[in-house]
Protein backbone atom coordinates (compact mmCIF):
# COMPACT_ATOMS: atom_id res chain seq x y z
CA MET A 1 0.00 0.00 0.00
CA LEU A 2 1.00 3.63 -0.43
CA SER A 3 1.79 5.63 2.69
CA MET A 4 3.06 9.19 3.09
CA LYS A 5 5.77 8.84 5.75
CA LEU A 6 7.59 11.30 7.96
CA THR A 7 11.10 9.89 8.27
CA GLN A 8 12.67 12.72 10.28
CA ALA A 9 11.75 15.96 11.99
CA ARG A 10 11.35 18.95 9.67
CA GLY A 11 11.52 16.73 6.62
CA PRO A 12 8.80 16.52 4.00
CA LEU A 13 6.58 13.49 3.83
CA VAL A 14 7.82 10.89 1.38
CA PRO A 15 5.73 8.26 -0.48
CA VAL A 16 6.51 4.72 0.62
CA GLU A 17 5.14 1.40 -0.63
CA GLU A 18 4.78 -0.98 2.30
CA ARG A 19 3.14 -4.31 3.03
CA LEU A 20 -0.08 -4.66 4.94
CA ARG A 21 0.62 -5.75 8.49
CA PRO A 22 -1.23 -8.68 10.11
CA LEU A 23 -4.21 -7.90 12.33
CA ARG A 24 -3.86 -8.24 16.08
CA SER A 25 -6.53 -8.76 18.74
CA ARG A 26 -9.51 -6.35 18.48
CA GLN A 27 -8.01 -4.60 15.45
CA VAL A 28 -9.80 -3.68 12.25
CA ARG A 29 -8.22 -2.89 8.92
CA VAL A 30 -9.79 0.11 7.25
CA GLN A 31 -9.52 1.16 3.63
CA VAL A 32 -8.98 4.89 4.00
CA LEU A 33 -11.49 7.00 2.09
CA ALA A 34 -10.59 10.40 3.52
CA CYS A 35 -8.20 11.78 6.10
CA GLY A 36 -8.27 15.30 7.50
CA VAL A 37 -5.13 17.42 7.72
CA CYS A 38 -4.73 18.87 11.21
CA ARG A 39 -2.46 21.49 12.76
CA THR A 40 -1.14 18.71 15.01
CA ASP A 41 0.30 17.16 11.84
CA LEU A 42 2.30 20.37 11.35
CA HIS A 43 3.61 20.11 14.92
CA LEU A 44 4.64 16.54 14.15
CA LEU A 45 6.40 17.69 11.00
CA ASP A 46 8.18 20.49 12.86
CA GLY A 47 9.49 18.22 15.62
CA ASP A 48 7.38 19.90 18.29
CA LEU A 49 5.99 16.63 19.68
CA PRO A 50 8.32 14.56 21.88
CA ASN A 51 9.38 10.96 21.33
CA THR A 52 8.09 10.66 17.78
CA PRO A 53 8.82 7.11 16.52
CA TYR A 54 10.23 7.69 13.02
CA PRO A 55 9.23 6.69 10.45
CA ILE A 56 5.59 7.49 11.15
CA THR A 57 2.48 7.96 9.01
CA PRO A 58 0.55 11.07 10.13
CA GLY A 59 -3.20 11.54 10.03
CA HIS A 60 -5.77 11.15 12.80
CA GLU A 61 -9.03 12.25 11.16
CA ILE A 62 -9.64 9.03 9.27
CA VAL A 63 -12.82 7.98 7.52
CA GLY A 64 -12.77 4.54 5.99
CA ARG A 65 -14.50 1.23 5.41
CA VAL A 66 -13.71 -1.88 7.40
CA CYS A 67 -12.17 -4.44 5.07
CA ALA A 68 -10.87 -7.00 7.59
CA VAL A 69 -11.31 -7.78 11.28
CA GLY A 70 -8.85 -9.33 13.70
CA PRO A 71 -9.34 -11.89 16.48
CA GLY A 72 -12.05 -10.84 18.93
CA ALA A 73 -13.16 -7.83 16.89
CA ASP A 74 -16.96 -7.76 16.83
CA ARG A 75 -18.11 -4.11 16.97
CA PHE A 76 -18.09 -3.56 13.21
CA ARG A 77 -18.77 -5.62 10.13
CA ILE A 78 -16.83 -5.66 6.90
CA GLY A 79 -18.15 -2.79 4.79
CA ASP A 80 -19.06 -0.56 7.74
CA ARG A 81 -17.90 3.05 7.51
CA VAL A 82 -15.99 4.12 10.63
CA GLY A 83 -13.97 7.01 11.94
CA ILE A 84 -10.54 6.64 13.53
CA PRO A 85 -9.71 9.58 15.84
CA TRP A 86 -6.60 10.81 17.67
CA LEU A 87 -7.00 8.59 20.76
CA GLY A 88 -5.89 5.11 19.74
CA PHE A 89 -5.21 3.24 22.98
CA THR A 90 -5.39 3.66 26.75
CA CYS A 91 -4.31 1.28 29.50
CA GLY A 92 -7.69 1.09 31.28
CA GLU A 93 -5.94 0.60 34.63
CA CYS A 94 -4.40 3.88 35.77
CA PRO A 95 -6.21 6.37 38.04
CA TYR A 96 -6.99 8.57 35.02
CA CYS A 97 -8.63 5.74 33.08
CA VAL A 98 -10.49 4.39 36.09
CA GLY A 99 -11.64 7.91 36.98
CA GLY A 100 -13.16 8.63 33.58
CA ARG A 101 -10.26 10.78 32.33
CA GLU A 102 -8.64 8.39 29.88
CA ASN A 103 -7.57 11.38 27.81
CA LEU A 104 -4.81 11.88 30.42
CA CYS A 105 -3.59 8.26 30.49
CA ASP A 106 0.21 8.19 30.68
CA ARG A 107 0.34 5.06 28.52
CA ALA A 108 -2.02 6.35 25.86
CA ARG A 109 -1.13 5.98 22.20
CA PHE A 110 -2.24 8.33 19.48
CA THR A 111 -3.21 7.81 15.86
CA GLY A 112 -0.85 9.50 13.43
CA TYR A 113 1.73 10.18 16.17
CA THR A 114 2.66 6.99 18.03
CA ILE A 115 0.45 4.75 15.84
CA ASP A 116 0.59 4.93 12.04
CA GLY A 117 -2.27 7.08 10.80
CA GLY A 118 -4.39 7.80 7.77
CA TYR A 119 -2.05 9.42 5.24
CA ALA A 120 -2.17 6.01 3.59
CA GLU A 121 -4.38 3.70 1.58
CA TYR A 122 -5.09 1.48 4.59
CA ALA A 123 -4.96 1.93 8.37
CA LEU A 124 -5.12 -0.38 11.38
CA ALA A 125 -7.03 0.59 14.52
CA ASP A 126 -8.27 -0.91 17.76
CA GLU A 127 -12.03 -1.22 17.19
CA ARG A 128 -12.74 -0.02 20.74
CA TYR A 129 -11.48 3.45 19.79
CA CYS A 130 -13.28 3.74 16.45
CA LEU A 131 -16.45 5.75 16.01
CA ALA A 132 -19.55 5.33 13.91
CA ILE A 133 -19.94 8.22 11.43
CA PRO A 134 -23.35 9.88 10.92
CA ALA A 135 -24.68 8.72 7.56
CA SER A 136 -25.61 12.25 6.48
CA TYR A 137 -21.95 13.28 6.07
CA SER A 138 -19.89 12.60 2.98
CA ASP A 139 -16.46 11.03 3.47
CA ALA A 140 -14.74 14.38 2.97
CA ALA A 141 -17.10 16.29 5.27
CA ALA A 142 -16.85 13.67 8.01
CA ALA A 143 -13.04 13.76 8.23
CA PRO A 144 -12.62 17.06 10.16
CA LEU A 145 -15.25 15.94 12.67
CA LEU A 146 -12.70 13.47 14.02
CA CYS A 147 -10.33 16.02 15.55
CA ALA A 148 -11.24 19.59 14.68
CA GLY A 149 -14.72 18.63 15.81
CA LEU A 150 -13.97 16.20 18.64
CA ILE A 151 -11.18 17.98 20.50
CA GLY A 152 -12.66 21.35 19.60
CA TYR A 153 -15.90 20.21 21.22
CA ARG A 154 -14.02 19.23 24.39
CA ALA A 155 -12.61 22.77 24.51
CA TYR A 156 -16.07 24.16 23.86
CA LYS A 157 -17.48 22.22 26.83
CA ALA A 158 -14.56 23.37 29.01
CA ALA A 159 -15.53 26.98 28.28
CA GLY A 160 -18.81 26.37 30.12
CA ASP A 161 -22.12 28.03 29.32
CA ALA A 162 -20.58 31.25 27.99
CA ALA A 163 -23.14 33.39 26.19
CA ASN A 164 -20.43 35.57 24.59
CA LEU A 165 -17.61 33.35 23.40
CA GLY A 166 -14.36 34.30 21.66
CA PHE A 167 -12.47 32.08 19.22
CA TYR A 168 -8.82 33.03 18.64
CA GLY A 169 -7.82 31.45 15.35
CA PHE A 170 -10.61 30.64 12.91
CA GLY A 171 -9.63 27.41 11.24
CA ALA A 172 -10.99 23.88 11.04
CA ALA A 173 -12.11 23.58 14.67
CA ALA A 174 -13.51 27.09 15.08
CA HIS A 175 -15.54 26.93 11.87
CA LEU A 176 -17.36 23.83 13.19
CA LEU A 177 -17.84 25.13 16.71
CA CYS A 178 -19.12 28.47 15.40
CA GLN A 179 -22.01 26.58 13.81
CA ILE A 180 -22.75 24.71 17.04
CA ALA A 181 -22.57 27.87 19.16
CA ALA A 182 -24.82 29.82 16.78
CA ALA A 183 -27.36 26.97 16.75
CA GLN A 184 -27.37 27.05 20.55
CA GLY A 185 -28.02 30.79 20.63
CA ARG A 186 -24.56 31.90 21.72
CA ASN A 187 -22.68 34.92 20.39
CA VAL A 188 -19.38 34.07 18.71
CA PHE A 189 -16.60 36.65 18.43
CA ALA A 190 -14.01 35.48 15.89
CA PHE A 191 -10.40 36.68 16.11
CA THR A 192 -8.20 36.05 13.09
CA ARG A 193 -4.74 37.07 11.96
CA PRO A 194 -4.72 40.88 11.79
CA GLY A 195 -6.04 42.04 8.44
CA ASP A 196 -7.32 38.63 7.33
CA GLN A 197 -10.62 39.84 5.93
CA ARG A 198 -11.22 36.57 4.07
CA ALA A 199 -11.27 34.61 7.34
CA GLN A 200 -13.38 37.31 8.99
CA ARG A 201 -16.00 37.13 6.23
CA PHE A 202 -15.97 33.35 6.54
CA ALA A 203 -16.63 33.61 10.29
CA ARG A 204 -19.51 36.02 9.81
CA ASP A 205 -21.00 33.77 7.12
CA LEU A 206 -21.04 30.93 9.67
CA GLY A 207 -22.87 32.97 12.28
CA ALA A 208 -20.24 34.96 14.17
CA VAL A 209 -21.72 38.22 15.47
CA TRP A 210 -18.34 39.94 15.26
CA ALA A 211 -15.08 39.19 13.48
CA GLY A 212 -11.80 41.08 13.58
CA GLY A 213 -8.08 40.76 14.07
CA ALA A 214 -6.55 39.29 17.21
CA ASP A 215 -5.07 42.75 17.79
CA GLN A 216 -8.58 44.19 18.21
CA ARG A 217 -10.81 44.29 21.28
CA PRO A 218 -14.42 43.12 21.09
CA ARG A 219 -17.19 45.58 21.78
CA MET A 220 -17.95 43.89 25.11
CA LEU A 221 -16.16 41.71 27.63
CA LEU A 222 -16.48 38.02 26.82
CA ASP A 223 -17.60 35.24 29.13
CA ALA A 224 -14.93 32.87 27.82
CA ALA A 225 -12.40 32.48 25.03
CA ILE A 226 -10.89 29.46 23.28
CA ILE A 227 -7.44 29.78 21.74
CA PHE A 228 -7.00 27.51 18.73
CA ALA A 229 -3.93 29.25 17.30
CA PRO A 230 -0.63 27.85 18.69
CA ALA A 231 0.50 31.32 19.79
CA GLY A 232 1.23 31.78 23.49
CA ASP A 233 1.16 35.54 23.18
CA LEU A 234 -2.61 35.29 22.68
CA VAL A 235 -3.13 34.16 26.28
CA PRO A 236 -2.76 37.63 27.87
CA VAL A 237 -4.68 39.11 24.92
CA ALA A 238 -7.59 36.76 25.58
CA LEU A 239 -7.44 37.38 29.33
CA ALA A 240 -7.78 41.10 28.68
CA ALA A 241 -10.92 40.40 26.64
CA ILE A 242 -12.86 38.34 29.23
CA ARG A 243 -14.90 39.43 32.22
CA LYS A 244 -14.20 38.57 35.85
CA GLY A 245 -14.85 34.90 36.46
CA GLY A 246 -14.26 34.12 32.79
CA LYS A 247 -12.15 31.33 31.30
CA VAL A 248 -9.46 31.14 28.65
CA ILE A 249 -9.15 27.63 27.19
CA CYS A 250 -6.02 26.63 25.26
CA ALA A 251 -7.13 24.00 22.77
CA GLY A 252 -3.90 22.96 21.02
CA ILE A 253 -1.40 20.19 21.72
CA HIS A 254 1.51 22.62 21.36
CA MET A 255 1.84 26.36 21.90
CA SER A 256 4.68 28.83 21.80
CA ASP A 257 5.83 30.26 25.13
CA ILE A 258 3.34 32.37 27.03
CA PRO A 259 4.86 35.79 27.79
CA SER A 260 4.77 37.27 31.28
CA PHE A 261 1.77 39.44 32.04
CA SER A 262 0.53 41.52 34.94
CA TYR A 263 -1.47 39.77 37.62
CA ASP A 264 -4.43 42.10 37.17
CA LEU A 265 -5.26 40.26 33.92
CA LEU A 266 -5.75 37.05 35.90
CA TRP A 267 -7.21 38.57 39.04
CA GLY A 268 -10.97 38.57 39.46
CA GLU A 269 -11.14 34.77 39.40
CA ARG A 270 -10.31 34.54 35.74
CA ALA A 271 -8.84 31.17 34.78
CA VAL A 272 -6.52 29.73 32.13
CA ALA A 273 -6.80 26.02 31.34
CA SER A 274 -5.88 23.56 28.60
CA VAL A 275 -7.63 20.59 27.08
CA ALA A 276 -5.74 17.42 26.22
CA ASN A 277 -6.78 14.73 23.78
CA LEU A 278 -10.30 13.29 24.05
CA THR A 279 -12.20 10.44 25.64
CA ARG A 280 -14.33 7.92 23.83
CA MET A 281 -17.32 9.42 25.60
CA ASP A 282 -16.44 12.78 24.02
CA GLY A 283 -16.49 11.07 20.65
CA GLU A 284 -19.89 9.46 21.10
CA GLU A 285 -21.38 12.69 22.43
CA PHE A 286 -19.99 14.86 19.66
CA MET A 287 -21.10 12.50 16.89
CA LYS A 288 -24.65 12.75 18.24
CA VAL A 289 -24.41 16.55 18.18
CA ALA A 290 -23.05 16.42 14.63
CA ALA A 291 -25.90 14.15 13.53
CA ASP A 292 -28.57 16.31 15.16
CA LEU A 293 -27.29 19.66 13.83
CA GLU A 294 -26.04 18.48 10.42
CA LEU A 295 -22.99 20.73 10.42
CA LYS A 296 -21.60 21.97 7.13
CA PRO A 297 -17.85 21.41 7.23
CA SER A 298 -15.95 23.49 4.69
CA VAL A 299 -13.29 21.28 3.11
CA GLU A 300 -10.71 21.51 0.36
CA CYS A 301 -9.71 18.13 -1.03
CA PHE A 302 -6.26 16.92 -2.08
CA GLY A 303 -4.94 13.60 -3.33
CA LEU A 304 -2.86 11.45 -1.00
CA ARG A 305 0.38 12.24 -2.83
CA ALA A 306 -0.38 15.96 -2.41
CA ALA A 307 -0.17 15.72 1.40
CA ASN A 308 2.82 18.10 1.54
CA GLN A 309 0.90 20.66 -0.50
CA ALA A 310 -2.10 20.40 1.83
CA LEU A 311 0.14 20.89 4.86
CA ALA A 312 1.75 23.94 3.25
CA ARG A 313 -1.68 25.47 2.65
CA LEU A 314 -2.60 24.86 6.27
CA ARG A 315 0.62 26.49 7.44
CA ASP A 316 0.04 29.52 5.21
CA GLY A 317 -3.47 30.01 6.58
CA THR A 318 -5.02 30.09 3.12
CA LEU A 319 -7.73 27.49 3.74
CA ASN A 320 -11.37 28.16 4.54
CA GLY A 321 -12.08 25.34 6.97
CA ALA A 322 -10.18 22.08 6.64
CA ALA A 323 -7.89 20.29 4.19
CA VAL A 324 -8.77 16.66 3.49
CA LEU A 325 -6.77 13.98 1.70
CA LEU A 326 -9.21 12.05 -0.45
CA ALA A 327 -8.79 8.53 -1.79
CA ALA A 328 -10.01 7.50 -5.21
CA GLY A 329 -13.63 6.46 -4.95
CA ALA A 330 -14.34 8.47 -1.82
CA ASP A 331 -17.42 10.68 -1.60
CA PRO A 332 -16.38 14.37 -1.56
CA HIS A 333 -19.88 15.81 -1.66
CA ASP A 334 -22.34 16.89 1.00
CA ARG A 335 -25.25 14.52 1.43
């Protein structure tokens, strides 16, 4: 099969022909139909994530069809369409797992980082960590649900019941959550790169009540803010934009250093927190939300061999929504 492999930090992905590996207990083999391109993949490329086992196949927003099942695998049948998300394994024994916080498991393994991912024609996954995909979504539209949607939704829940909610960075995750927030009657304030009027128009089209540069202040204090951009200098900016008792949620896996800031920005019981990974319960809950609301993911499709081009577009910030690698025969269209 063809895989796009990262063989070293800061190197481009290279096409590799490799053999299919045998199935182990509870595994399913999935023919990849679509795989989303995530900012985490850029962090992997840039060497920002520790202990990367080179060579590795990125990609953790995988939509595919089960084509083989291993010993003991009984959740899905051959031909079923499934999603393979970031969380690929947890130990089930540590205090985090036992306490319902498997996203913090110290022995966790992650698709496209410590487990080969979906920048390939086929992928292996533990069936216990796969998700059923709502039938109303095309293959291409379903892909960004599996990280931009899932982990973004965890950040959205962490922000609480904020009526006035700021999104710093308006990419794949924010464009999905903006639709959810608008449907729930919340006011979204979208902060983009200064001067990026294209992204600001996109945010307003999706229901944001205000859109401007991250160097601008909203017309009112916000109840909470979520930072999707991997820029630590946005933390004090977001703190200055929220009311007393408000929250700033950092949603990324990696962020540049947070600069020092005066205590008065934090005082007044403001809080800064991060979200890490996801739980399987998050996945089930979000897929129900996605089915009920019928979100409209904005995607731009690329062929598997064009993975480096898709990553470059993501880095440049020239995408509206999400980039998706699409296999031949996949469904790119909304249903």
